[in-house]
N, C-alpha and C. Protein backbone atom coordinates (compact mmCIF):
# COMPACT_ATOMS: atom_id res chain seq x y z
N SER A 1 47.71 161.74 96.10
CA SER A 1 47.59 163.11 96.59
C SER A 1 48.96 163.75 96.79
N GLY A 2 50.02 162.96 96.73
CA GLY A 2 51.36 163.52 96.87
C GLY A 2 51.76 163.81 98.30
N GLY A 3 51.05 163.23 99.27
CA GLY A 3 51.35 163.48 100.68
C GLY A 3 52.49 162.65 101.24
N GLY A 4 52.97 161.66 100.48
CA GLY A 4 54.10 160.86 100.94
C GLY A 4 53.72 159.59 101.68
N LYS A 5 52.44 159.21 101.63
CA LYS A 5 52.01 158.01 102.37
C LYS A 5 52.74 156.76 101.87
N THR A 6 52.83 156.59 100.57
CA THR A 6 53.48 155.41 100.01
C THR A 6 54.96 155.40 100.37
N THR A 7 55.60 156.54 100.31
CA THR A 7 57.01 156.63 100.67
C THR A 7 57.21 156.25 102.13
N LEU A 8 56.38 156.78 103.00
CA LEU A 8 56.49 156.45 104.42
C LEU A 8 56.27 154.96 104.66
N CYS A 9 55.30 154.39 103.97
CA CYS A 9 55.03 152.95 104.12
C CYS A 9 56.17 152.09 103.60
N SER A 10 57.02 152.63 102.77
CA SER A 10 58.20 151.91 102.30
C SER A 10 59.41 152.16 103.19
N LEU A 11 59.45 153.30 103.86
CA LEU A 11 60.58 153.62 104.73
C LEU A 11 60.50 152.91 106.08
N ILE A 12 59.32 152.76 106.65
CA ILE A 12 59.20 152.15 107.98
C ILE A 12 59.73 150.72 107.99
N PRO A 13 59.36 149.85 107.03
CA PRO A 13 59.93 148.50 107.06
C PRO A 13 61.31 148.43 106.37
N ARG A 14 61.86 149.59 106.06
CA ARG A 14 63.19 149.74 105.47
C ARG A 14 63.33 149.09 104.10
N PHE A 15 62.29 149.23 103.28
CA PHE A 15 62.42 148.84 101.88
C PHE A 15 63.37 149.80 101.19
N TYR A 16 63.43 151.02 101.71
CA TYR A 16 64.40 152.04 101.27
C TYR A 16 65.10 152.54 102.52
N GLU A 17 66.35 152.91 102.38
CA GLU A 17 67.09 153.49 103.50
C GLU A 17 66.94 155.01 103.46
N LEU A 18 66.87 155.61 104.62
CA LEU A 18 66.79 157.07 104.72
C LEU A 18 68.08 157.70 104.24
N LYS A 19 67.96 158.81 103.54
CA LYS A 19 69.15 159.57 103.14
C LYS A 19 69.45 160.65 104.16
N GLU A 20 68.43 161.09 104.87
CA GLU A 20 68.61 162.07 105.94
C GLU A 20 67.45 161.95 106.90
N GLY A 21 67.63 162.46 108.09
CA GLY A 21 66.59 162.39 109.11
C GLY A 21 66.55 161.03 109.77
N GLU A 22 65.49 160.79 110.53
CA GLU A 22 65.36 159.51 111.22
C GLU A 22 63.89 159.18 111.43
N ILE A 23 63.62 157.91 111.59
CA ILE A 23 62.29 157.42 111.93
C ILE A 23 62.44 156.66 113.23
N LEU A 24 61.60 157.02 114.21
CA LEU A 24 61.66 156.39 115.52
C LEU A 24 60.42 155.53 115.75
N ILE A 25 60.63 154.39 116.37
CA ILE A 25 59.54 153.54 116.83
C ILE A 25 59.72 153.38 118.32
N ASP A 26 58.76 153.89 119.07
CA ASP A 26 58.82 153.84 120.53
C ASP A 26 60.14 154.44 121.03
N GLY A 27 60.57 155.52 120.38
CA GLY A 27 61.78 156.23 120.78
C GLY A 27 63.08 155.62 120.30
N LYS A 28 63.01 154.52 119.55
CA LYS A 28 64.22 153.85 119.07
C LYS A 28 64.32 154.01 117.55
N GLU A 29 65.49 154.39 117.07
CA GLU A 29 65.73 154.57 115.64
C GLU A 29 65.52 153.25 114.92
N ILE A 30 64.87 153.28 113.75
CA ILE A 30 64.53 152.03 113.07
C ILE A 30 65.76 151.23 112.65
N ARG A 31 66.88 151.88 112.47
CA ARG A 31 68.10 151.13 112.11
C ARG A 31 68.56 150.23 113.26
N GLY A 32 68.02 150.46 114.46
CA GLY A 32 68.35 149.63 115.61
C GLY A 32 67.58 148.32 115.64
N PHE A 33 66.61 148.16 114.75
CA PHE A 33 65.84 146.93 114.65
C PHE A 33 66.36 146.12 113.47
N THR A 34 66.36 144.81 113.58
CA THR A 34 66.73 144.00 112.43
C THR A 34 65.63 144.09 111.38
N LEU A 35 66.01 143.89 110.12
CA LEU A 35 65.00 143.90 109.06
C LEU A 35 63.93 142.86 109.34
N ARG A 36 64.35 141.70 109.78
CA ARG A 36 63.39 140.63 110.07
C ARG A 36 62.38 141.07 111.13
N SER A 37 62.88 141.68 112.21
CA SER A 37 62.00 142.12 113.29
C SER A 37 61.01 143.17 112.80
N LEU A 38 61.50 144.15 112.07
CA LEU A 38 60.61 145.19 111.54
C LEU A 38 59.51 144.58 110.68
N ARG A 39 59.92 143.73 109.77
CA ARG A 39 58.97 143.20 108.79
C ARG A 39 58.03 142.16 109.38
N GLU A 40 58.42 141.52 110.47
CA GLU A 40 57.52 140.57 111.13
C GLU A 40 56.49 141.26 112.01
N HIS A 41 56.79 142.48 112.46
CA HIS A 41 55.93 143.14 113.42
C HIS A 41 55.17 144.34 112.88
N ILE A 42 55.37 144.66 111.62
CA ILE A 42 54.69 145.82 111.03
C ILE A 42 53.87 145.33 109.84
N GLY A 43 52.62 145.74 109.80
CA GLY A 43 51.76 145.41 108.68
C GLY A 43 51.28 146.67 108.00
N ILE A 44 51.04 146.57 106.73
CA ILE A 44 50.54 147.70 105.95
C ILE A 44 49.29 147.25 105.23
N VAL A 45 48.23 148.02 105.33
CA VAL A 45 46.99 147.72 104.63
C VAL A 45 46.80 148.76 103.55
N GLN A 46 46.87 148.32 102.32
CA GLN A 46 46.71 149.22 101.19
C GLN A 46 45.23 149.53 100.97
N GLN A 47 44.95 150.61 100.28
CA GLN A 47 43.57 150.98 99.98
C GLN A 47 42.97 150.09 98.90
N ASP A 48 43.78 149.65 97.97
CA ASP A 48 43.29 148.81 96.88
C ASP A 48 43.34 147.35 97.30
N VAL A 49 42.28 146.62 96.98
CA VAL A 49 42.22 145.19 97.28
C VAL A 49 42.91 144.44 96.16
N TYR A 50 43.73 143.49 96.52
CA TYR A 50 44.43 142.70 95.51
C TYR A 50 44.58 141.27 96.01
N LEU A 51 44.15 140.32 95.21
CA LEU A 51 44.37 138.92 95.50
C LEU A 51 45.45 138.41 94.55
N PHE A 52 46.39 137.68 95.12
CA PHE A 52 47.41 137.06 94.29
C PHE A 52 46.76 135.90 93.55
N SER A 53 47.39 135.45 92.49
CA SER A 53 46.85 134.27 91.81
C SER A 53 46.92 133.10 92.78
N GLY A 54 46.03 132.16 92.62
CA GLY A 54 45.98 131.02 93.53
C GLY A 54 44.68 131.02 94.31
N THR A 55 44.57 130.10 95.22
CA THR A 55 43.35 129.95 96.01
C THR A 55 43.29 130.99 97.12
N VAL A 56 42.11 131.13 97.72
CA VAL A 56 41.97 132.02 98.87
C VAL A 56 42.89 131.53 99.99
N MET A 57 42.96 130.21 100.17
CA MET A 57 43.84 129.65 101.20
C MET A 57 45.30 130.06 100.95
N GLU A 58 45.74 130.00 99.71
CA GLU A 58 47.12 130.40 99.38
C GLU A 58 47.33 131.90 99.63
N ASN A 59 46.30 132.70 99.36
CA ASN A 59 46.40 134.13 99.62
C ASN A 59 46.54 134.41 101.11
N ILE A 60 45.76 133.70 101.92
CA ILE A 60 45.84 133.89 103.37
C ILE A 60 47.20 133.47 103.89
N ALA A 61 47.74 132.39 103.35
CA ALA A 61 49.03 131.86 103.81
C ALA A 61 50.22 132.62 103.24
N TYR A 62 50.00 133.55 102.34
CA TYR A 62 51.09 134.24 101.64
C TYR A 62 52.10 134.86 102.60
N GLY A 63 51.64 135.47 103.66
CA GLY A 63 52.53 136.15 104.59
C GLY A 63 53.28 135.24 105.53
N LYS A 64 52.92 133.96 105.55
CA LYS A 64 53.60 133.00 106.43
C LYS A 64 53.79 131.68 105.69
N PRO A 65 54.82 131.61 104.86
CA PRO A 65 55.07 130.36 104.15
C PRO A 65 55.21 129.20 105.14
N GLY A 66 54.63 128.08 104.81
CA GLY A 66 54.71 126.93 105.69
C GLY A 66 53.67 126.91 106.79
N ALA A 67 52.72 127.85 106.75
CA ALA A 67 51.66 127.89 107.77
C ALA A 67 50.86 126.60 107.72
N SER A 68 50.49 126.11 108.89
CA SER A 68 49.67 124.90 108.95
C SER A 68 48.24 125.22 108.54
N PHE A 69 47.49 124.18 108.23
CA PHE A 69 46.08 124.36 107.87
C PHE A 69 45.32 125.02 109.02
N ALA A 70 45.62 124.60 110.25
CA ALA A 70 44.95 125.19 111.42
C ALA A 70 45.27 126.67 111.55
N GLU A 71 46.52 127.07 111.27
CA GLU A 71 46.90 128.49 111.34
C GLU A 71 46.16 129.29 110.27
N ILE A 72 46.04 128.72 109.09
CA ILE A 72 45.33 129.40 108.00
C ILE A 72 43.86 129.54 108.35
N GLN A 73 43.26 128.50 108.91
CA GLN A 73 41.85 128.57 109.33
C GLN A 73 41.66 129.65 110.39
N GLU A 74 42.57 129.73 111.36
CA GLU A 74 42.47 130.73 112.42
C GLU A 74 42.62 132.14 111.84
N ALA A 75 43.56 132.32 110.92
CA ALA A 75 43.74 133.63 110.28
C ALA A 75 42.48 134.03 109.52
N ALA A 76 41.89 133.08 108.81
CA ALA A 76 40.65 133.36 108.07
C ALA A 76 39.53 133.74 109.03
N LYS A 77 39.44 133.03 110.13
CA LYS A 77 38.41 133.33 111.13
C LYS A 77 38.59 134.73 111.70
N LEU A 78 39.83 135.08 112.05
CA LEU A 78 40.11 136.41 112.62
C LEU A 78 39.81 137.52 111.62
N ALA A 79 39.98 137.22 110.33
CA ALA A 79 39.73 138.22 109.28
C ALA A 79 38.27 138.23 108.83
N GLY A 80 37.46 137.33 109.38
CA GLY A 80 36.07 137.26 108.96
C GLY A 80 35.92 136.68 107.56
N ALA A 81 36.87 135.81 107.17
CA ALA A 81 36.86 135.26 105.81
C ALA A 81 36.83 133.73 105.83
N GLU A 82 36.21 133.17 106.85
CA GLU A 82 36.27 131.71 106.97
C GLU A 82 35.26 130.95 106.13
N GLU A 83 34.33 131.62 105.52
CA GLU A 83 33.32 130.89 104.74
C GLU A 83 33.68 130.80 103.31
């Protein structure tokens, strides 16, 4: 639609740096957060569903490499995808 949603979703976790203006989170400029902190605490849910190649378990664990089996099971349960 050209509304800038994708651009905004790339600017908040700082995949791109702002050329002008600022983005604030709880009154703090995003450049004041480390990239790691931003990316660990912000999630984006796209409209299109996409599974990476691999098993469902590997897809669930994608965002946390090294996740234990118990962590993956808990994530699946919280997402309603445990069956």
